[in-house]
Amino acid sequence: MGRPPILPTDQKFALVLRVLTGELTAAEAARNAGVSEQSVSNWRRQFIEGARVGLAGEGGRDTEDASRVAELTQENATLKATIGELYIELRKYGRSTAGRGPVRGRQAHPVPRFK
């Protein structure tokens, strides 16, 4: 027997739903699609696993992903706070000439003169 035809996801989805609702048996669905009963059983298993993952955790994420998102959110908040503190420090020292071009008639960083 040759390789079974590749069915579009929508057709697999429709077949699996008909099997899960009892409208068709796995054998009938396989005959209708021209695939093996094992293929239909695999699609059913994948469908159920996908549904389980979709319902797990926060917004479809499992608990490991959710904890990683929480960790990254905390790190992001810390970095934002640090940037804010550094910005305040820079403003505290005034508007320096750093980032601006040299002012005419004056050096941006005067050279100390010794007597």
N, C-alpha and C. Protein backbone atom coordinates (compact mmCIF):
# COMPACT_ATOMS: atom_id res chain seq x y z
N MET A 1 0.85 -1.18 0.00
CA MET A 1 0.00 0.00 0.00
C MET A 1 0.88 1.23 0.00
N GLY A 2 0.53 2.26 -0.79
CA GLY A 2 1.31 3.48 -0.89
C GLY A 2 1.12 4.40 0.30
N ARG A 3 1.81 5.48 0.23
CA ARG A 3 1.74 6.48 1.30
C ARG A 3 0.34 7.11 1.30
N PRO A 4 -0.25 7.35 2.49
CA PRO A 4 -1.59 7.95 2.55
C PRO A 4 -1.55 9.40 2.06
N PRO A 5 -2.67 9.87 1.55
CA PRO A 5 -2.70 11.25 1.06
C PRO A 5 -2.53 12.24 2.21
N ILE A 6 -1.94 13.38 1.89
CA ILE A 6 -1.79 14.43 2.89
C ILE A 6 -3.06 15.25 2.87
N LEU A 7 -3.76 15.25 3.98
CA LEU A 7 -5.01 15.99 4.07
C LEU A 7 -4.77 17.37 4.68
N PRO A 8 -5.49 18.36 4.21
CA PRO A 8 -5.39 19.68 4.82
C PRO A 8 -5.86 19.63 6.28
N THR A 9 -5.34 20.53 7.08
CA THR A 9 -5.67 20.56 8.50
C THR A 9 -7.17 20.67 8.73
N ASP A 10 -7.87 21.46 7.93
CA ASP A 10 -9.31 21.63 8.11
C ASP A 10 -10.06 20.31 7.95
N GLN A 11 -9.63 19.49 6.99
CA GLN A 11 -10.29 18.20 6.79
C GLN A 11 -10.00 17.25 7.96
N LYS A 12 -8.76 17.25 8.43
CA LYS A 12 -8.43 16.42 9.60
C LYS A 12 -9.27 16.85 10.79
N PHE A 13 -9.36 18.17 11.00
CA PHE A 13 -10.12 18.74 12.11
C PHE A 13 -11.58 18.28 12.05
N ALA A 14 -12.18 18.39 10.87
CA ALA A 14 -13.58 18.01 10.70
C ALA A 14 -13.78 16.51 10.97
N LEU A 15 -12.85 15.68 10.47
CA LEU A 15 -12.96 14.24 10.71
C LEU A 15 -12.84 13.91 12.19
N VAL A 16 -11.87 14.51 12.85
CA VAL A 16 -11.67 14.22 14.28
C VAL A 16 -12.90 14.64 15.08
N LEU A 17 -13.46 15.80 14.76
CA LEU A 17 -14.66 16.24 15.47
C LEU A 17 -15.81 15.25 15.27
N ARG A 18 -15.96 14.75 14.06
CA ARG A 18 -17.03 13.78 13.80
C ARG A 18 -16.80 12.48 14.56
N VAL A 19 -15.53 12.10 14.72
CA VAL A 19 -15.21 10.89 15.49
C VAL A 19 -15.49 11.14 16.96
N LEU A 20 -15.05 12.30 17.49
CA LEU A 20 -15.25 12.61 18.90
C LEU A 20 -16.71 12.74 19.29
N THR A 21 -17.54 13.23 18.36
CA THR A 21 -18.97 13.38 18.66
C THR A 21 -19.74 12.07 18.46
N GLY A 22 -19.08 11.06 17.91
CA GLY A 22 -19.73 9.78 17.70
C GLY A 22 -20.47 9.68 16.39
N GLU A 23 -20.36 10.69 15.56
CA GLU A 23 -21.02 10.67 14.26
C GLU A 23 -20.41 9.60 13.36
N LEU A 24 -19.08 9.42 13.47
CA LEU A 24 -18.36 8.40 12.71
C LEU A 24 -17.46 7.61 13.66
N THR A 25 -17.19 6.38 13.28
CA THR A 25 -16.15 5.63 13.99
C THR A 25 -14.82 5.98 13.34
N ALA A 26 -13.73 5.63 14.02
CA ALA A 26 -12.40 5.89 13.45
C ALA A 26 -12.25 5.15 12.12
N ALA A 27 -12.79 3.94 12.03
CA ALA A 27 -12.69 3.15 10.81
C ALA A 27 -13.46 3.83 9.67
N GLU A 28 -14.66 4.33 9.95
CA GLU A 28 -15.44 5.01 8.92
C GLU A 28 -14.75 6.29 8.46
N ALA A 29 -14.21 7.05 9.41
CA ALA A 29 -13.51 8.28 9.07
C ALA A 29 -12.29 7.98 8.20
N ALA A 30 -11.58 6.90 8.54
CA ALA A 30 -10.41 6.51 7.76
C ALA A 30 -10.80 6.14 6.34
N ARG A 31 -11.88 5.38 6.18
CA ARG A 31 -12.34 5.00 4.84
C ARG A 31 -12.75 6.25 4.04
N ASN A 32 -13.46 7.16 4.67
CA ASN A 32 -13.90 8.39 3.99
C ASN A 32 -12.71 9.23 3.51
N ALA A 33 -11.65 9.26 4.31
CA ALA A 33 -10.49 10.11 3.98
C ALA A 33 -9.46 9.37 3.15
N GLY A 34 -9.59 8.05 3.05
CA GLY A 34 -8.60 7.27 2.30
C GLY A 34 -7.28 7.13 3.03
N VAL A 35 -7.36 7.07 4.36
CA VAL A 35 -6.16 6.91 5.19
C VAL A 35 -6.37 5.73 6.12
N SER A 36 -5.34 5.39 6.86
CA SER A 36 -5.45 4.27 7.79
C SER A 36 -6.19 4.69 9.05
N GLU A 37 -6.73 3.71 9.73
CA GLU A 37 -7.41 3.96 11.00
C GLU A 37 -6.40 4.50 12.02
N GLN A 38 -5.16 4.03 11.92
CA GLN A 38 -4.10 4.50 12.81
C GLN A 38 -3.87 6.00 12.65
N SER A 39 -3.93 6.49 11.40
CA SER A 39 -3.77 7.93 11.16
C SER A 39 -4.86 8.72 11.86
N VAL A 40 -6.10 8.26 11.74
CA VAL A 40 -7.21 8.94 12.39
C VAL A 40 -7.03 8.92 13.91
N SER A 41 -6.58 7.80 14.44
CA SER A 41 -6.34 7.71 15.89
C SER A 41 -5.24 8.66 16.32
N ASN A 42 -4.19 8.78 15.51
CA ASN A 42 -3.11 9.72 15.82
C ASN A 42 -3.61 11.17 15.81
N TRP A 43 -4.44 11.52 14.82
CA TRP A 43 -4.98 12.87 14.75
C TRP A 43 -5.85 13.17 15.97
N ARG A 44 -6.63 12.17 16.37
CA ARG A 44 -7.49 12.33 17.55
C ARG A 44 -6.64 12.58 18.79
N ARG A 45 -5.57 11.81 18.95
CA ARG A 45 -4.67 11.96 20.10
C ARG A 45 -4.01 13.34 20.08
N GLN A 46 -3.53 13.77 18.89
CA GLN A 46 -2.89 15.09 18.77
C GLN A 46 -3.88 16.21 19.07
N PHE A 47 -5.12 16.04 18.64
CA PHE A 47 -6.16 17.03 18.89
C PHE A 47 -6.40 17.18 20.39
N ILE A 48 -6.51 16.06 21.07
CA ILE A 48 -6.76 16.09 22.51
C ILE A 48 -5.57 16.67 23.27
N GLU A 49 -4.35 16.30 22.87
CA GLU A 49 -3.15 16.87 23.51
C GLU A 49 -3.08 18.37 23.29
N GLY A 50 -3.39 18.81 22.08
CA GLY A 50 -3.38 20.24 21.78
C GLY A 50 -4.42 20.99 22.61
N ALA A 51 -5.58 20.40 22.79
CA ALA A 51 -6.61 21.02 23.61
C ALA A 51 -6.16 21.12 25.06
N ARG A 52 -5.49 20.09 25.55
CA ARG A 52 -5.01 20.08 26.93
C ARG A 52 -3.98 21.20 27.13
N VAL A 53 -3.06 21.35 26.19
CA VAL A 53 -2.04 22.41 26.27
C VAL A 53 -2.70 23.77 26.19
N GLY A 54 -3.71 23.89 25.31
CA GLY A 54 -4.40 25.16 25.16
C GLY A 54 -5.12 25.60 26.41
N LEU A 55 -5.58 24.65 27.21
CA LEU A 55 -6.31 24.98 28.42
C LEU A 55 -5.42 25.09 29.66
N ALA A 56 -4.18 24.68 29.54
CA ALA A 56 -3.28 24.67 30.69
C ALA A 56 -2.70 26.05 30.94
N GLY A 57 -2.42 26.31 32.19
CA GLY A 57 -1.67 27.50 32.57
C GLY A 57 -2.37 28.80 32.22
N GLU A 58 -1.56 29.83 32.06
CA GLU A 58 -2.02 31.19 31.85
C GLU A 58 -2.11 31.49 30.36
N GLY A 59 -3.31 31.66 29.86
CA GLY A 59 -3.48 32.00 28.45
C GLY A 59 -2.98 30.91 27.52
N GLY A 60 -3.09 29.64 27.93
CA GLY A 60 -2.65 28.53 27.09
C GLY A 60 -1.21 28.13 27.33
N ARG A 61 -0.51 28.83 28.19
CA ARG A 61 0.88 28.46 28.47
C ARG A 61 0.89 27.47 29.63
N ASP A 62 1.83 26.56 29.59
CA ASP A 62 1.95 25.67 30.73
C ASP A 62 2.64 26.43 31.86
N THR A 63 2.73 25.82 33.02
CA THR A 63 3.24 26.52 34.20
C THR A 63 4.69 26.95 34.04
N GLU A 64 5.50 26.19 33.32
CA GLU A 64 6.90 26.57 33.11
C GLU A 64 6.99 27.84 32.28
N ASP A 65 6.21 27.92 31.22
CA ASP A 65 6.19 29.13 30.40
C ASP A 65 5.66 30.32 31.19
N ALA A 66 4.63 30.09 31.99
CA ALA A 66 4.05 31.17 32.78
C ALA A 66 5.06 31.70 33.78
N SER A 67 5.84 30.82 34.41
CA SER A 67 6.84 31.30 35.37
C SER A 67 7.96 32.05 34.65
N ARG A 68 8.32 31.65 33.45
CA ARG A 68 9.35 32.35 32.69
C ARG A 68 8.85 33.74 32.30
N VAL A 69 7.58 33.85 31.92
CA VAL A 69 7.01 35.15 31.58
C VAL A 69 7.01 36.05 32.81
N ALA A 70 6.65 35.50 33.97
CA ALA A 70 6.66 36.29 35.20
C ALA A 70 8.07 36.76 35.54
N GLU A 71 9.04 35.90 35.34
CA GLU A 71 10.45 36.25 35.60
C GLU A 71 10.90 37.38 34.68
N LEU A 72 10.57 37.28 33.40
CA LEU A 72 10.96 38.30 32.44
C LEU A 72 10.23 39.63 32.70
N THR A 73 8.99 39.55 33.15
CA THR A 73 8.24 40.75 33.48
C THR A 73 8.89 41.48 34.64
N GLN A 74 9.33 40.72 35.66
CA GLN A 74 10.01 41.31 36.81
C GLN A 74 11.34 41.93 36.37
N GLU A 75 12.10 41.24 35.54
CA GLU A 75 13.37 41.76 35.07
C GLU A 75 13.16 43.05 34.27
N ASN A 76 12.12 43.08 33.45
CA ASN A 76 11.80 44.26 32.67
C ASN A 76 11.49 45.44 33.58
N ALA A 77 10.72 45.21 34.63
CA ALA A 77 10.38 46.28 35.57
C ALA A 77 11.64 46.81 36.27
N THR A 78 12.53 45.90 36.65
CA THR A 78 13.78 46.30 37.30
C THR A 78 14.64 47.15 36.36
N LEU A 79 14.74 46.72 35.11
CA LEU A 79 15.53 47.48 34.14
C LEU A 79 14.93 48.86 33.89
N LYS A 80 13.62 48.95 33.82
CA LYS A 80 12.97 50.25 33.62
C LYS A 80 13.24 51.16 34.81
N ALA A 81 13.18 50.62 36.01
CA ALA A 81 13.46 51.42 37.20
C ALA A 81 14.90 51.92 37.19
N THR A 82 15.83 51.06 36.80
CA THR A 82 17.24 51.43 36.74
C THR A 82 17.46 52.54 35.72
N ILE A 83 16.83 52.41 34.56
CA ILE A 83 16.95 53.45 33.53
C ILE A 83 16.40 54.77 34.06
N GLY A 84 15.28 54.71 34.76
CA GLY A 84 14.69 55.92 35.32
C GLY A 84 15.62 56.59 36.33
N GLU A 85 16.23 55.78 37.20
CA GLU A 85 17.17 56.32 38.19
C GLU A 85 18.37 56.96 37.52
N LEU A 86 18.91 56.32 36.49
CA LEU A 86 20.05 56.87 35.78
C LEU A 86 19.68 58.18 35.08
N TYR A 87 18.48 58.25 34.55
CA TYR A 87 18.02 59.46 33.90
C TYR A 87 17.95 60.61 34.91
N ILE A 88 17.42 60.32 36.09
CA ILE A 88 17.34 61.34 37.14
C ILE A 88 18.73 61.80 37.55
N GLU A 89 19.67 60.87 37.68
CA GLU A 89 21.05 61.23 38.02
C GLU A 89 21.64 62.15 36.97
N LEU A 90 21.43 61.84 35.71
CA LEU A 90 21.95 62.69 34.64
C LEU A 90 21.34 64.09 34.70
N ARG A 91 20.07 64.17 34.97
CA ARG A 91 19.41 65.48 35.06
C ARG A 91 19.88 66.25 36.28
N LYS A 92 20.21 65.53 37.35
CA LYS A 92 20.67 66.18 38.58
C LYS A 92 21.96 66.95 38.33
N TYR A 93 22.80 66.46 37.47
CA TYR A 93 24.06 67.11 37.17
C TYR A 93 23.92 68.15 36.07
N GLY A 94 22.72 68.44 35.71
CA GLY A 94 22.47 69.50 34.74
C GLY A 94 22.56 69.02 33.32
N ARG A 95 22.27 69.90 32.49
CA ARG A 95 22.32 69.58 31.07
C ARG A 95 23.76 69.76 30.61
N SER A 96 24.48 68.68 30.61
CA SER A 96 25.90 68.75 30.27
C SER A 96 26.06 68.95 28.77
N THR A 97 27.27 69.22 28.38
CA THR A 97 27.55 69.40 26.96
C THR A 97 27.77 68.07 26.27
N ALA A 98 27.74 66.99 27.01
CA ALA A 98 27.89 65.67 26.38
C ALA A 98 26.73 65.47 25.42
N GLY A 99 27.05 65.07 24.24
CA GLY A 99 26.03 64.85 23.23
C GLY A 99 25.80 66.06 22.35
N ARG A 100 26.30 67.22 22.79
CA ARG A 100 26.21 68.42 21.96
C ARG A 100 27.58 68.68 21.37
N GLY A 101 27.60 69.42 20.34
CA GLY A 101 28.87 69.80 19.72
C GLY A 101 29.58 70.85 20.57
N PRO A 102 30.87 71.09 20.32
CA PRO A 102 31.59 72.09 21.11
C PRO A 102 31.01 73.49 20.86
N VAL A 103 31.04 74.29 21.91
CA VAL A 103 30.53 75.66 21.83
C VAL A 103 31.65 76.55 21.29
N ARG A 104 31.33 77.46 20.41
CA ARG A 104 32.34 78.33 19.81
C ARG A 104 32.98 79.20 20.89
N GLY A 105 34.29 79.33 20.78
CA GLY A 105 35.02 80.19 21.70
C GLY A 105 35.27 79.53 23.05
N ARG A 106 34.83 78.30 23.22
CA ARG A 106 34.99 77.62 24.50
C ARG A 106 35.18 76.14 24.24
N GLN A 107 36.06 75.53 24.98
CA GLN A 107 36.26 74.09 24.83
C GLN A 107 35.20 73.37 25.66
N ALA A 108 34.77 72.23 25.15
CA ALA A 108 33.76 71.46 25.87
C ALA A 108 34.33 70.97 27.20
N HIS A 109 35.58 70.57 27.22
CA HIS A 109 36.23 70.10 28.44
C HIS A 109 37.54 70.88 28.58
N PRO A 110 37.55 71.94 29.38
CA PRO A 110 38.75 72.76 29.47
C PRO A 110 39.92 71.98 30.04
N VAL A 111 41.08 72.29 29.53
CA VAL A 111 42.31 71.65 29.99
C VAL A 111 42.82 72.43 31.20
N PRO A 112 43.06 71.74 32.32
CA PRO A 112 43.54 72.46 33.50
C PRO A 112 44.92 73.08 33.25
N ARG A 113 45.15 74.27 33.76
CA ARG A 113 46.44 74.95 33.61
C ARG A 113 47.15 74.97 34.95
N PHE A 114 48.39 74.61 34.91
CA PHE A 114 49.18 74.62 36.13
C PHE A 114 50.14 75.79 36.09
N LYS A 115 50.40 76.45 37.20
CA LYS A 115 51.33 77.58 37.25
C LYS A 115 52.71 77.14 37.55
